[in-house]
Amino acid sequence: MTSLYPLEYAAQQVGGEHVSVRNLTPPGAEPHSLELTPRQVLETADLDAFIYLSNFAPAVDDAAKEAGEAAFDVREHARLDLDSSEEEEHAGESPKEHAEHADEEEQAPEGLWRGRP
């Protein structure tokens, strides 16, 4: 289970046919102000994995506490500090080109694709 659509999409892409991914945020809902029922919060205690972004929605943080060891906070691993000058610098690049620049700048976390097939 995930807390946001981008995380749902990423989990589906990584896990492929080996995973079944659900998202706590319904389509069209505002994820910042997501409210969960007590049942939804308790449901996270039985998950194999709960992928979420901490400090984004208080209800999701509560659900992550219920998930315990199954909770994976992407905040610690995602680069969320891009400013507009960095975005403009890499505008129009393909994902491969962007990864190569990240590799050159030593910004890509260890273990991520670094321009190699």
PDB file of N, CA and C in Angstrom:
ATOM      1  N   MET A   1       0.854  -1.173   0.000  1.00  0.00           N
ATOM      2  CA  MET A   1       0.000   0.000   0.000  1.00  0.00           C
ATOM      3  C   MET A   1       0.893   1.226   0.000  1.00  0.00           C
ATOM      4  N   THR A   2       0.392   2.287  -0.637  1.00  0.00           N
ATOM      5  CA  THR A   2       1.120   3.545  -0.674  1.00  0.00           C
ATOM      6  C   THR A   2       0.211   4.679  -0.214  1.00  0.00           C
ATOM      7  N   SER A   3       0.806   5.840   0.016  1.00  0.00           N
ATOM      8  CA  SER A   3       0.028   6.986   0.472  1.00  0.00           C
ATOM      9  C   SER A   3      -0.236   8.006  -0.632  1.00  0.00           C
ATOM     10  N   LEU A   4       0.484   7.921  -1.742  1.00  0.00           N
ATOM     11  CA  LEU A   4       0.362   8.886  -2.836  1.00  0.00           C
ATOM     12  C   LEU A   4       0.424   8.166  -4.173  1.00  0.00           C
ATOM     13  N   TYR A   5      -0.231   8.731  -5.189  1.00  0.00           N
ATOM     14  CA  TYR A   5      -0.205   8.097  -6.499  1.00  0.00           C
ATOM     15  C   TYR A   5       1.218   7.911  -7.046  1.00  0.00           C
ATOM     16  N   PRO A   6       2.107   8.900  -6.972  1.00  0.00           N
ATOM     17  CA  PRO A   6       3.461   8.663  -7.527  1.00  0.00           C
ATOM     18  C   PRO A   6       4.162   7.467  -6.879  1.00  0.00           C
ATOM     19  N   LEU A   7       3.907   7.251  -5.595  1.00  0.00           N
ATOM     20  CA  LEU A   7       4.514   6.103  -4.918  1.00  0.00           C
ATOM     21  C   LEU A   7       3.856   4.806  -5.358  1.00  0.00           C
ATOM     22  N   GLU A   8       2.542   4.850  -5.597  1.00  0.00           N
ATOM     23  CA  GLU A   8       1.832   3.684  -6.114  1.00  0.00           C
ATOM     24  C   GLU A   8       2.395   3.298  -7.484  1.00  0.00           C
ATOM     25  N   TYR A   9       2.556   4.297  -8.339  1.00  0.00           N
ATOM     26  CA  TYR A   9       3.075   4.051  -9.687  1.00  0.00           C
ATOM     27  C   TYR A   9       4.487   3.452  -9.617  1.00  0.00           C
ATOM     28  N   ALA A  10       5.342   4.037  -8.786  1.00  0.00           N
ATOM     29  CA  ALA A  10       6.716   3.538  -8.664  1.00  0.00           C
ATOM     30  C   ALA A  10       6.737   2.096  -8.156  1.00  0.00           C
ATOM     31  N   ALA A  11       5.928   1.800  -7.157  1.00  0.00           N
ATOM     32  CA  ALA A  11       5.879   0.438  -6.608  1.00  0.00           C
ATOM     33  C   ALA A  11       5.404  -0.561  -7.661  1.00  0.00           C
ATOM     34  N   GLN A  12       4.422  -0.150  -8.475  1.00  0.00           N
ATOM     35  CA  GLN A  12       3.927  -1.025  -9.538  1.00  0.00           C
ATOM     36  C   GLN A  12       5.004  -1.273 -10.585  1.00  0.00           C
ATOM     37  N   GLN A  13       5.758  -0.233 -10.915  1.00  0.00           N
ATOM     38  CA  GLN A  13       6.811  -0.367 -11.917  1.00  0.00           C
ATOM     39  C   GLN A  13       7.935  -1.266 -11.419  1.00  0.00           C
ATOM     40  N   VAL A  14       8.275  -1.137 -10.165  1.00  0.00           N
ATOM     41  CA  VAL A  14       9.354  -1.947  -9.591  1.00  0.00           C
ATOM     42  C   VAL A  14       8.902  -3.391  -9.386  1.00  0.00           C
ATOM     43  N   GLY A  15       7.720  -3.572  -8.816  1.00  0.00           N
ATOM     44  CA  GLY A  15       7.252  -4.915  -8.482  1.00  0.00           C
ATOM     45  C   GLY A  15       6.622  -5.676  -9.624  1.00  0.00           C
ATOM     46  N   GLY A  16       6.092  -4.946 -10.618  1.00  0.00           N
ATOM     47  CA  GLY A  16       5.465  -5.586 -11.774  1.00  0.00           C
ATOM     48  C   GLY A  16       4.380  -6.569 -11.378  1.00  0.00           C
ATOM     49  N   GLU A  17       4.398  -7.714 -12.012  1.00  0.00           N
ATOM     50  CA  GLU A  17       3.360  -8.730 -11.783  1.00  0.00           C
ATOM     51  C   GLU A  17       3.493  -9.412 -10.423  1.00  0.00           C
ATOM     52  N   HIS A  18       4.572  -9.121  -9.713  1.00  0.00           N
ATOM     53  CA  HIS A  18       4.818  -9.786  -8.426  1.00  0.00           C
ATOM     54  C   HIS A  18       4.158  -9.078  -7.244  1.00  0.00           C
ATOM     55  N   VAL A  19       3.573  -7.901  -7.501  1.00  0.00           N
ATOM     56  CA  VAL A  19       2.962  -7.147  -6.408  1.00  0.00           C
ATOM     57  C   VAL A  19       1.549  -6.699  -6.765  1.00  0.00           C
ATOM     58  N   SER A  20       0.778  -6.483  -5.737  1.00  0.00           N
ATOM     59  CA  SER A  20      -0.539  -5.864  -5.857  1.00  0.00           C
ATOM     60  C   SER A  20      -0.465  -4.603  -5.008  1.00  0.00           C
ATOM     61  N   VAL A  21      -0.603  -3.441  -5.642  1.00  0.00           N
ATOM     62  CA  VAL A  21      -0.406  -2.179  -4.947  1.00  0.00           C
ATOM     63  C   VAL A  21      -1.729  -1.415  -4.860  1.00  0.00           C
ATOM     64  N   ARG A  22      -2.034  -0.954  -3.661  1.00  0.00           N
ATOM     65  CA  ARG A  22      -3.205  -0.095  -3.447  1.00  0.00           C
ATOM     66  C   ARG A  22      -2.727   1.240  -2.910  1.00  0.00           C
ATOM     67  N   ASN A  23      -3.540   2.275  -3.137  1.00  0.00           N
ATOM     68  CA  ASN A  23      -3.206   3.618  -2.693  1.00  0.00           C
ATOM     69  C   ASN A  23      -4.254   4.084  -1.692  1.00  0.00           C
ATOM     70  N   LEU A  24      -3.812   4.645  -0.576  1.00  0.00           N
ATOM     71  CA  LEU A  24      -4.746   5.169   0.420  1.00  0.00           C
ATOM     72  C   LEU A  24      -5.507   6.394  -0.085  1.00  0.00           C
ATOM     73  N   THR A  25      -4.896   7.185  -0.949  1.00  0.00           N
ATOM     74  CA  THR A  25      -5.521   8.407  -1.443  1.00  0.00           C
ATOM     75  C   THR A  25      -6.395   8.085  -2.648  1.00  0.00           C
ATOM     76  N   PRO A  26      -7.692   8.294  -2.528  1.00  0.00           N
ATOM     77  CA  PRO A  26      -8.575   8.007  -3.666  1.00  0.00           C
ATOM     78  C   PRO A  26      -8.315   8.975  -4.823  1.00  0.00           C
ATOM     79  N   PRO A  27      -8.583   8.561  -6.058  1.00  0.00           N
ATOM     80  CA  PRO A  27      -8.410   9.456  -7.202  1.00  0.00           C
ATOM     81  C   PRO A  27      -9.199  10.752  -6.995  1.00  0.00           C
ATOM     82  N   GLY A  28      -8.550  11.865  -7.261  1.00  0.00           N
ATOM     83  CA  GLY A  28      -9.192  13.169  -7.133  1.00  0.00           C
ATOM     84  C   GLY A  28      -9.144  13.771  -5.746  1.00  0.00           C
ATOM     85  N   ALA A  29      -8.701  13.009  -4.760  1.00  0.00           N
ATOM     86  CA  ALA A  29      -8.632  13.519  -3.385  1.00  0.00           C
ATOM     87  C   ALA A  29      -7.346  14.317  -3.181  1.00  0.00           C
ATOM     88  N   GLU A  30      -7.378  15.242  -2.263  1.00  0.00           N
ATOM     89  CA  GLU A  30      -6.218  16.056  -1.919  1.00  0.00           C
ATOM     90  C   GLU A  30      -5.371  15.294  -0.892  1.00  0.00           C
ATOM     91  N   PRO A  31      -4.170  14.843  -1.279  1.00  0.00           N
ATOM     92  CA  PRO A  31      -3.379  14.008  -0.364  1.00  0.00           C
ATOM     93  C   PRO A  31      -2.893  14.732   0.895  1.00  0.00           C
ATOM     94  N   HIS A  32      -2.741  16.068   0.843  1.00  0.00           N
ATOM     95  CA  HIS A  32      -2.288  16.807   2.028  1.00  0.00           C
ATOM     96  C   HIS A  32      -3.302  16.748   3.163  1.00  0.00           C
ATOM     97  N   SER A  33      -4.570  16.690   2.799  1.00  0.00           N
ATOM     98  CA  SER A  33      -5.611  16.722   3.826  1.00  0.00           C
ATOM     99  C   SER A  33      -6.352  15.390   3.917  1.00  0.00           C
ATOM    100  N   LEU A  34      -5.665  14.325   3.581  1.00  0.00           N
ATOM    101  CA  LEU A  34      -6.266  12.995   3.598  1.00  0.00           C
ATOM    102  C   LEU A  34      -6.721  12.632   5.008  1.00  0.00           C
ATOM    103  N   GLU A  35      -7.950  12.195   5.104  1.00  0.00           N
ATOM    104  CA  GLU A  35      -8.500  11.686   6.366  1.00  0.00           C
ATOM    105  C   GLU A  35      -8.733  10.191   6.186  1.00  0.00           C
ATOM    106  N   LEU A  36      -8.335   9.415   7.158  1.00  0.00           N
ATOM    107  CA  LEU A  36      -8.502   7.964   7.098  1.00  0.00           C
ATOM    108  C   LEU A  36      -9.483   7.514   8.165  1.00  0.00           C
ATOM    109  N   THR A  37     -10.208   6.477   7.842  1.00  0.00           N
ATOM    110  CA  THR A  37     -11.099   5.881   8.843  1.00  0.00           C
ATOM    111  C   THR A  37     -10.239   5.061   9.809  1.00  0.00           C
ATOM    112  N   PRO A  38     -10.738   4.805  11.008  1.00  0.00           N
ATOM    113  CA  PRO A  38      -9.982   3.940  11.924  1.00  0.00           C
ATOM    114  C   PRO A  38      -9.683   2.583  11.285  1.00  0.00           C
ATOM    115  N   ARG A  39     -10.614   2.065  10.487  1.00  0.00           N
ATOM    116  CA  ARG A  39     -10.399   0.783   9.821  1.00  0.00           C
ATOM    117  C   ARG A  39      -9.206   0.860   8.856  1.00  0.00           C
ATOM    118  N   GLN A  40      -9.097   1.960   8.094  1.00  0.00           N
ATOM    119  CA  GLN A  40      -7.975   2.104   7.165  1.00  0.00           C
ATOM    120  C   GLN A  40      -6.649   2.167   7.912  1.00  0.00           C
ATOM    121  N   VAL A  41      -6.624   2.876   9.021  1.00  0.00           N
ATOM    122  CA  VAL A  41      -5.391   2.975   9.814  1.00  0.00           C
ATOM    123  C   VAL A  41      -5.004   1.598  10.347  1.00  0.00           C
ATOM    124  N   LEU A  42      -5.951   0.870  10.904  1.00  0.00           N
ATOM    125  CA  LEU A  42      -5.665  -0.461  11.444  1.00  0.00           C
ATOM    126  C   LEU A  42      -5.281  -1.454  10.349  1.00  0.00           C
ATOM    127  N   GLU A  43      -5.817  -1.260   9.151  1.00  0.00           N
ATOM    128  CA  GLU A  43      -5.506  -2.137   8.013  1.00  0.00           C
ATOM    129  C   GLU A  43      -4.010  -2.144   7.695  1.00  0.00           C
ATOM    130  N   THR A  44      -3.342  -1.036   7.961  1.00  0.00           N
ATOM    131  CA  THR A  44      -1.911  -0.957   7.639  1.00  0.00           C
ATOM    132  C   THR A  44      -1.071  -1.876   8.522  1.00  0.00           C
ATOM    133  N   ALA A  45      -1.615  -2.290   9.654  1.00  0.00           N
ATOM    134  CA  ALA A  45      -0.868  -3.183  10.555  1.00  0.00           C
ATOM    135  C   ALA A  45      -0.648  -4.555   9.945  1.00  0.00           C
ATOM    136  N   ASP A  46      -1.468  -4.924   8.966  1.00  0.00           N
ATOM    137  CA  ASP A  46      -1.361  -6.253   8.363  1.00  0.00           C
ATOM    138  C   ASP A  46      -0.689  -6.257   6.999  1.00  0.00           C
ATOM    139  N   LEU A  47      -0.071  -5.149   6.615  1.00  0.00           N
ATOM    140  CA  LEU A  47       0.528  -5.051   5.283  1.00  0.00           C
ATOM    141  C   LEU A  47       1.931  -5.642   5.235  1.00  0.00           C
ATOM    142  N   ASP A  48       2.306  -6.100   4.040  1.00  0.00           N
ATOM    143  CA  ASP A  48       3.696  -6.513   3.821  1.00  0.00           C
ATOM    144  C   ASP A  48       4.589  -5.293   3.681  1.00  0.00           C
ATOM    145  N   ALA A  49       4.034  -4.213   3.101  1.00  0.00           N
ATOM    146  CA  ALA A  49       4.793  -2.971   2.924  1.00  0.00           C
ATOM    147  C   ALA A  49       3.838  -1.790   2.860  1.00  0.00           C
ATOM    148  N   PHE A  50       4.237  -0.702   3.488  1.00  0.00           N
ATOM    149  CA  PHE A  50       3.498   0.557   3.419  1.00  0.00           C
ATOM    150  C   PHE A  50       4.502   1.632   3.047  1.00  0.00           C
ATOM    151  N   ILE A  51       4.397   2.133   1.821  1.00  0.00           N
ATOM    152  CA  ILE A  51       5.331   3.130   1.294  1.00  0.00           C
ATOM    153  C   ILE A  51       4.662   4.486   1.400  1.00  0.00           C
ATOM    154  N   TYR A  52       5.319   5.414   2.103  1.00  0.00           N
ATOM    155  CA  TYR A  52       4.676   6.707   2.371  1.00  0.00           C
ATOM    156  C   TYR A  52       5.714   7.818   2.455  1.00  0.00           C
ATOM    157  N   LEU A  53       5.208   9.058   2.455  1.00  0.00           N
ATOM    158  CA  LEU A  53       6.033  10.248   2.631  1.00  0.00           C
ATOM    159  C   LEU A  53       5.646  10.861   3.967  1.00  0.00           C
ATOM    160  N   SER A  54       6.562  10.868   4.909  1.00  0.00           N
ATOM    161  CA  SER A  54       6.255  11.375   6.244  1.00  0.00           C
ATOM    162  C   SER A  54       6.064  12.894   6.235  1.00  0.00           C
ATOM    163  N   ASN A  55       5.368  13.369   7.256  1.00  0.00           N
ATOM    164  CA  ASN A  55       5.116  14.805   7.453  1.00  0.00           C
ATOM    165  C   ASN A  55       4.385  15.447   6.280  1.00  0.00           C
ATOM    166  N   PHE A  56       3.592  14.660   5.579  1.00  0.00           N
ATOM    167  CA  PHE A  56       2.829  15.154   4.436  1.00  0.00           C
ATOM    168  C   PHE A  56       1.347  15.226   4.797  1.00  0.00           C
ATOM    169  N   ALA A  57       0.866  14.219   5.492  1.00  0.00           N
ATOM    170  CA  ALA A  57      -0.515  14.169   5.979  1.00  0.00           C
ATOM    171  C   ALA A  57      -0.503  13.468   7.327  1.00  0.00           C
ATOM    172  N   PRO A  58      -0.988  14.121   8.380  1.00  0.00           N
ATOM    173  CA  PRO A  58      -0.944  13.520   9.718  1.00  0.00           C
ATOM    174  C   PRO A  58      -1.595  12.136   9.789  1.00  0.00           C
ATOM    175  N   ALA A  59      -2.672  11.930   9.079  1.00  0.00           N
ATOM    176  CA  ALA A  59      -3.347  10.627   9.119  1.00  0.00           C
ATOM    177  C   ALA A  59      -2.447   9.522   8.564  1.00  0.00           C
ATOM    178  N   VAL A  60      -1.662   9.859   7.571  1.00  0.00           N
ATOM    179  CA  VAL A  60      -0.751   8.876   6.974  1.00  0.00           C
ATOM    180  C   VAL A  60       0.365   8.532   7.957  1.00  0.00           C
ATOM    181  N   ASP A  61       0.854   9.527   8.679  1.00  0.00           N
ATOM    182  CA  ASP A  61       1.873   9.256   9.695  1.00  0.00           C
ATOM    183  C   ASP A  61       1.328   8.306  10.764  1.00  0.00           C
ATOM    184  N   ASP A  62       0.057   8.487  11.139  1.00  0.00           N
ATOM    185  CA  ASP A  62      -0.573   7.568  12.100  1.00  0.00           C
ATOM    186  C   ASP A  62      -0.652   6.156  11.530  1.00  0.00           C
ATOM    187  N   ALA A  63      -1.013   6.058  10.257  1.00  0.00           N
ATOM    188  CA  ALA A  63      -1.096   4.746   9.607  1.00  0.00           C
ATOM    189  C   ALA A  63       0.277   4.084   9.559  1.00  0.00           C
ATOM    190  N   ALA A  64       1.313   4.874   9.331  1.00  0.00           N
ATOM    191  CA  ALA A  64       2.676   4.328   9.278  1.00  0.00           C
ATOM    192  C   ALA A  64       3.084   3.754  10.638  1.00  0.00           C
ATOM    193  N   LYS A  65       2.652   4.401  11.715  1.00  0.00           N
ATOM    194  CA  LYS A  65       2.950   3.866  13.055  1.00  0.00           C
ATOM    195  C   LYS A  65       2.309   2.496  13.231  1.00  0.00           C
ATOM    196  N   GLU A  66       1.087   2.345  12.740  1.00  0.00           N
ATOM    197  CA  GLU A  66       0.402   1.052  12.816  1.00  0.00           C
ATOM    198  C   GLU A  66       1.113  -0.002  11.968  1.00  0.00           C
ATOM    199  N   ALA A  67       1.672   0.428  10.830  1.00  0.00           N
ATOM    200  CA  ALA A  67       2.360  -0.507   9.931  1.00  0.00           C
ATOM    201  C   ALA A  67       3.654  -1.018  10.538  1.00  0.00           C
ATOM    202  N   GLY A  68       4.220  -0.269  11.457  1.00  0.00           N
ATOM    203  CA  GLY A  68       5.444  -0.707  12.135  1.00  0.00           C
ATOM    204  C   GLY A  68       6.598  -0.947  11.183  1.00  0.00           C
ATOM    205  N   GLU A  69       7.179  -2.149  11.249  1.00  0.00           N
ATOM    206  CA  GLU A  69       8.354  -2.504  10.434  1.00  0.00           C
ATOM    207  C   GLU A  69       8.048  -2.530   8.942  1.00  0.00           C
ATOM    208  N   ALA A  70       6.782  -2.633   8.574  1.00  0.00           N
ATOM    209  CA  ALA A  70       6.397  -2.667   7.148  1.00  0.00           C
ATOM    210  C   ALA A  70       6.416  -1.275   6.529  1.00  0.00           C
ATOM    211  N   ALA A  71       6.493  -0.236   7.356  1.00  0.00           N
ATOM    212  CA  ALA A  71       6.472   1.140   6.851  1.00  0.00           C
ATOM    213  C   ALA A  71       7.824   1.517   6.256  1.00  0.00           C
ATOM    214  N   PHE A  72       7.782   2.129   5.079  1.00  0.00           N
ATOM    215  CA  PHE A  72       8.989   2.619   4.416  1.00  0.00           C
ATOM    216  C   PHE A  72       8.757   4.082   4.055  1.00  0.00           C
ATOM    217  N   ASP A  73       9.483   4.974   4.720  1.00  0.00           N
ATOM    218  CA  ASP A  73       9.363   6.415   4.507  1.00  0.00           C
ATOM    219  C   ASP A  73      10.319   6.841   3.394  1.00  0.00           C
ATOM    220  N   VAL A  74       9.764   7.318   2.289  1.00  0.00           N
ATOM    221  CA  VAL A  74      10.609   7.707   1.160  1.00  0.00           C
ATOM    222  C   VAL A  74      11.321   9.034   1.401  1.00  0.00           C
ATOM    223  N   ARG A  75      10.889   9.792   2.392  1.00  0.00           N
ATOM    224  CA  ARG A  75      11.509  11.098   2.647  1.00  0.00           C
ATOM    225  C   ARG A  75      13.016  10.959   2.857  1.00  0.00           C
ATOM    226  N   GLU A  76      13.426   9.902   3.498  1.00  0.00           N
ATOM    227  CA  GLU A  76      14.851   9.692   3.779  1.00  0.00           C
ATOM    228  C   GLU A  76      15.646   9.347   2.524  1.00  0.00           C
ATOM    229  N   HIS A  77      14.968   8.940   1.466  1.00  0.00           N
ATOM    230  CA  HIS A  77      15.645   8.459   0.273  1.00  0.00           C
ATOM    231  C   HIS A  77      15.361   9.276  -0.981  1.00  0.00           C
ATOM    232  N   ALA A  78      14.360  10.149  -0.920  1.00  0.00           N
ATOM    233  CA  ALA A  78      13.979  10.946  -2.083  1.00  0.00           C
ATOM    234  C   ALA A  78      14.665  12.300  -2.022  1.00  0.00           C
ATOM    235  N   ARG A  79      14.986  12.828  -3.175  1.00  0.00           N
ATOM    236  CA  ARG A  79      15.582  14.159  -3.236  1.00  0.00           C
ATOM    237  C   ARG A  79      14.452  15.153  -3.384  1.00  0.00           C
ATOM    238  N   LEU A  80      14.088  15.804  -2.309  1.00  0.00           N
ATOM    239  CA  LEU A  80      12.961  16.719  -2.290  1.00  0.00           C
ATOM    240  C   LEU A  80      13.392  18.179  -2.218  1.00  0.00           C
ATOM    241  N   ASP A  81      14.687  18.438  -2.404  1.00  0.00           N
ATOM    242  CA  ASP A  81      15.202  19.786  -2.227  1.00  0.00           C
ATOM    243  C   ASP A  81      15.592  20.480  -3.525  1.00  0.00           C
ATOM    244  N   LEU A  82      15.051  20.037  -4.648  1.00  0.00           N
ATOM    245  CA  LEU A  82      15.383  20.674  -5.915  1.00  0.00           C
ATOM    246  C   LEU A  82      14.861  22.095  -5.930  1.00  0.00           C
ATOM    247  N   ASP A  83      15.704  23.026  -6.342  1.00  0.00           N
ATOM    248  CA  ASP A  83      15.204  24.387  -6.517  1.00  0.00           C
ATOM    249  C   ASP A  83      15.025  24.645  -8.009  1.00  0.00           C
ATOM    250  N   SER A  84      14.430  25.754  -8.348  1.00  0.00           N
ATOM    251  CA  SER A  84      14.080  26.013  -9.741  1.00  0.00           C
ATOM    252  C   SER A  84      15.307  26.110 -10.633  1.00  0.00           C
ATOM    253  N   SER A  85      16.455  26.574 -10.125  1.00  0.00           N
ATOM    254  CA  SER A  85      17.649  26.670 -10.972  1.00  0.00           C
ATOM    255  C   SER A  85      18.132  25.291 -11.383  1.00  0.00           C
ATOM    256  N   GLU A  86      18.029  24.300 -10.485  1.00  0.00           N
ATOM    257  CA  GLU A  86      18.421  22.938 -10.830  1.00  0.00           C
ATOM    258  C   GLU A  86      17.450  22.334 -11.833  1.00  0.00           C
ATOM    259  N   GLU A  87      16.161  22.623 -11.658  1.00  0.00           N
ATOM    260  CA  GLU A  87      15.177  22.105 -12.593  1.00  0.00           C
ATOM    261  C   GLU A  87      15.411  22.675 -13.985  1.00  0.00           C
ATOM    262  N   GLU A  88      15.696  23.968 -14.077  1.00  0.00           N
ATOM    263  CA  GLU A  88      15.933  24.600 -15.371  1.00  0.00           C
ATOM    264  C   GLU A  88      17.208  24.063 -16.008  1.00  0.00           C
ATOM    265  N   GLU A  89      18.220  23.821 -15.196  1.00  0.00           N
ATOM    266  CA  GLU A  89      19.497  23.322 -15.695  1.00  0.00           C
ATOM    267  C   GLU A  89      19.336  21.987 -16.410  1.00  0.00           C
ATOM    268  N   HIS A  90      18.409  21.153 -15.935  1.00  0.00           N
ATOM    269  CA  HIS A  90      18.218  19.823 -16.504  1.00  0.00           C
ATOM    270  C   HIS A  90      16.952  19.719 -17.358  1.00  0.00           C
ATOM    271  N   ALA A  91      16.323  20.847 -17.635  1.00  0.00           N
ATOM    272  CA  ALA A  91      15.102  20.830 -18.447  1.00  0.00           C
ATOM    273  C   ALA A  91      15.405  20.284 -19.841  1.00  0.00           C
ATOM    274  N   GLY A  92      14.536  19.440 -20.330  1.00  0.00           N
ATOM    275  CA  GLY A  92      14.688  18.891 -21.675  1.00  0.00           C
ATOM    276  C   GLY A  92      15.597  17.680 -21.762  1.00  0.00           C
ATOM    277  N   GLU A  93      16.207  17.284 -20.664  1.00  0.00           N
ATOM    278  CA  GLU A  93      17.072  16.105 -20.685  1.00  0.00           C
ATOM    279  C   GLU A  93      16.236  14.839 -20.631  1.00  0.00           C
ATOM    280  N   SER A  94      16.765  13.803 -21.252  1.00  0.00           N
ATOM    281  CA  SER A  94      16.129  12.494 -21.125  1.00  0.00           C
ATOM    282  C   SER A  94      16.461  11.960 -19.730  1.00  0.00           C
ATOM    283  N   PRO A  95      15.708  10.964 -19.248  1.00  0.00           N
ATOM    284  CA  PRO A  95      16.034  10.377 -17.938  1.00  0.00           C
ATOM    285  C   PRO A  95      17.471   9.846 -17.888  1.00  0.00           C
ATOM    286  N   LYS A  96      17.949   9.290 -19.001  1.00  0.00           N
ATOM    287  CA  LYS A  96      19.319   8.769 -19.034  1.00  0.00           C
ATOM    288  C   LYS A  96      20.321   9.909 -18.870  1.00  0.00           C
ATOM    289  N   GLU A  97      20.100  11.020 -19.593  1.00  0.00           N
ATOM    290  CA  GLU A  97      21.004  12.167 -19.476  1.00  0.00           C
ATOM    291  C   GLU A  97      20.985  12.721 -18.058  1.00  0.00           C
ATOM    292  N   HIS A  98      19.792  12.807 -17.488  1.00  0.00           N
ATOM    293  CA  HIS A  98      19.676  13.326 -16.129  1.00  0.00           C
ATOM    294  C   HIS A  98      20.416  12.417 -15.148  1.00  0.00           C
ATOM    295  N   ALA A  99      20.292  11.111 -15.307  1.00  0.00           N
ATOM    296  CA  ALA A  99      20.988  10.162 -14.428  1.00  0.00           C
ATOM    297  C   ALA A  99      22.500  10.288 -14.592  1.00  0.00           C
ATOM    298  N   GLU A 100      22.954  10.509 -15.829  1.00  0.00           N
ATOM    299  CA  GLU A 100      24.388  10.674 -16.055  1.00  0.00           C
ATOM    300  C   GLU A 100      24.908  11.918 -15.342  1.00  0.00           C
ATOM    301  N   HIS A 101      24.134  13.002 -15.367  1.00  0.00           N
ATOM    302  CA  HIS A 101      24.545  14.218 -14.656  1.00  0.00           C
ATOM    303  C   HIS A 101      24.548  13.979 -13.152  1.00  0.00           C
ATOM    304  N   ALA A 102      23.568  13.267 -12.676  1.00  0.00           N
ATOM    305  CA  ALA A 102      23.518  12.959 -11.245  1.00  0.00           C
ATOM    306  C   ALA A 102      24.732  12.142 -10.847  1.00  0.00           C
ATOM    307  N   ASP A 103      25.131  11.202 -11.735  1.00  0.00           N
ATOM    308  CA  ASP A 103      26.301  10.376 -11.464  1.00  0.00           C
ATOM    309  C   ASP A 103      27.553  11.252 -11.420  1.00  0.00           C
ATOM    310  N   GLU A 104      27.676  12.159 -12.395  1.00  0.00           N
ATOM    311  CA  GLU A 104      28.826  13.048 -12.436  1.00  0.00           C
ATOM    312  C   GLU A 104      28.899  13.923 -11.199  1.00  0.00           C
ATOM    313  N   GLU A 105      27.735  14.353 -10.731  1.00  0.00           N
ATOM    314  CA  GLU A 105      27.683  15.230  -9.568  1.00  0.00           C
ATOM    315  C   GLU A 105      27.623  14.438  -8.267  1.00  0.00           C
ATOM    316  N   GLU A 106      27.681  13.118  -8.374  1.00  0.00           N
ATOM    317  CA  GLU A 106      27.597  12.204  -7.239  1.00  0.00           C
ATOM    318  C   GLU A 106      26.343  12.438  -6.411  1.00  0.00           C
ATOM    319  N   GLN A 107      25.216  12.680  -7.123  1.00  0.00           N
ATOM    320  CA  GLN A 107      23.955  12.911  -6.432  1.00  0.00           C
ATOM    321  C   GLN A 107      23.088  11.668  -6.415  1.00  0.00           C
ATOM    322  N   ALA A 108      23.348  10.732  -7.298  1.00  0.00           N
ATOM    323  CA  ALA A 108      22.503   9.532  -7.332  1.00  0.00           C
ATOM    324  C   ALA A 108      22.854   8.653  -6.141  1.00  0.00           C
ATOM    325  N   PRO A 109      21.859   8.269  -5.346  1.00  0.00           N
ATOM    326  CA  PRO A 109      22.143   7.391  -4.204  1.00  0.00           C
ATOM    327  C   PRO A 109      22.740   6.061  -4.657  1.00  0.00           C
ATOM    328  N   GLU A 110      23.584   5.512  -3.831  1.00  0.00           N
ATOM    329  CA  GLU A 110      24.209   4.231  -4.120  1.00  0.00           C
ATOM    330  C   GLU A 110      23.152   3.181  -4.391  1.00  0.00           C
ATOM    331  N   GLY A 111      23.366   2.390  -5.422  1.00  0.00           N
ATOM    332  CA  GLY A 111      22.447   1.312  -5.744  1.00  0.00           C
ATOM    333  C   GLY A 111      21.424   1.678  -6.781  1.00  0.00           C
ATOM    334  N   LEU A 112      21.277   2.959  -7.117  1.00  0.00           N
ATOM    335  CA  LEU A 112      20.348   3.348  -8.156  1.00  0.00           C
ATOM    336  C   LEU A 112      21.032   3.281  -9.505  1.00  0.00           C
ATOM    337  N   TRP A 113      20.241   3.182 -10.555  1.00  0.00           N
ATOM    338  CA  TRP A 113      20.780   3.130 -11.911  1.00  0.00           C
ATOM    339  C   TRP A 113      21.613   4.372 -12.160  1.00  0.00           C
ATOM    340  N   ARG A 114      22.809   4.205 -12.630  1.00  0.00           N
ATOM    341  CA  ARG A 114      23.717   5.320 -12.876  1.00  0.00           C
ATOM    342  C   ARG A 114      24.166   5.341 -14.330  1.00  0.00           C
ATOM    343  N   GLY A 115      23.201   5.221 -15.241  1.00  0.00           N
ATOM    344  CA  GLY A 115      23.535   5.339 -16.644  1.00  0.00           C
ATOM    345  C   GLY A 115      23.982   4.029 -17.281  1.00  0.00           C
ATOM    346  N   ARG A 116      23.949   2.956 -16.513  1.00  0.00           N
ATOM    347  CA  ARG A 116      24.313   1.655 -17.062  1.00  0.00           C
ATOM    348  C   ARG A 116      23.048   0.880 -17.321  1.00  0.00           C
ATOM    349  N   PRO A 117      23.029   0.061 -18.405  1.00  0.00           N
ATOM    350  CA  PRO A 117      21.811  -0.710 -18.680  1.00  0.00           C
ATOM    351  C   PRO A 117      21.526  -1.723 -17.598  1.00  0.00           C
TER     352      PRO A 117
END
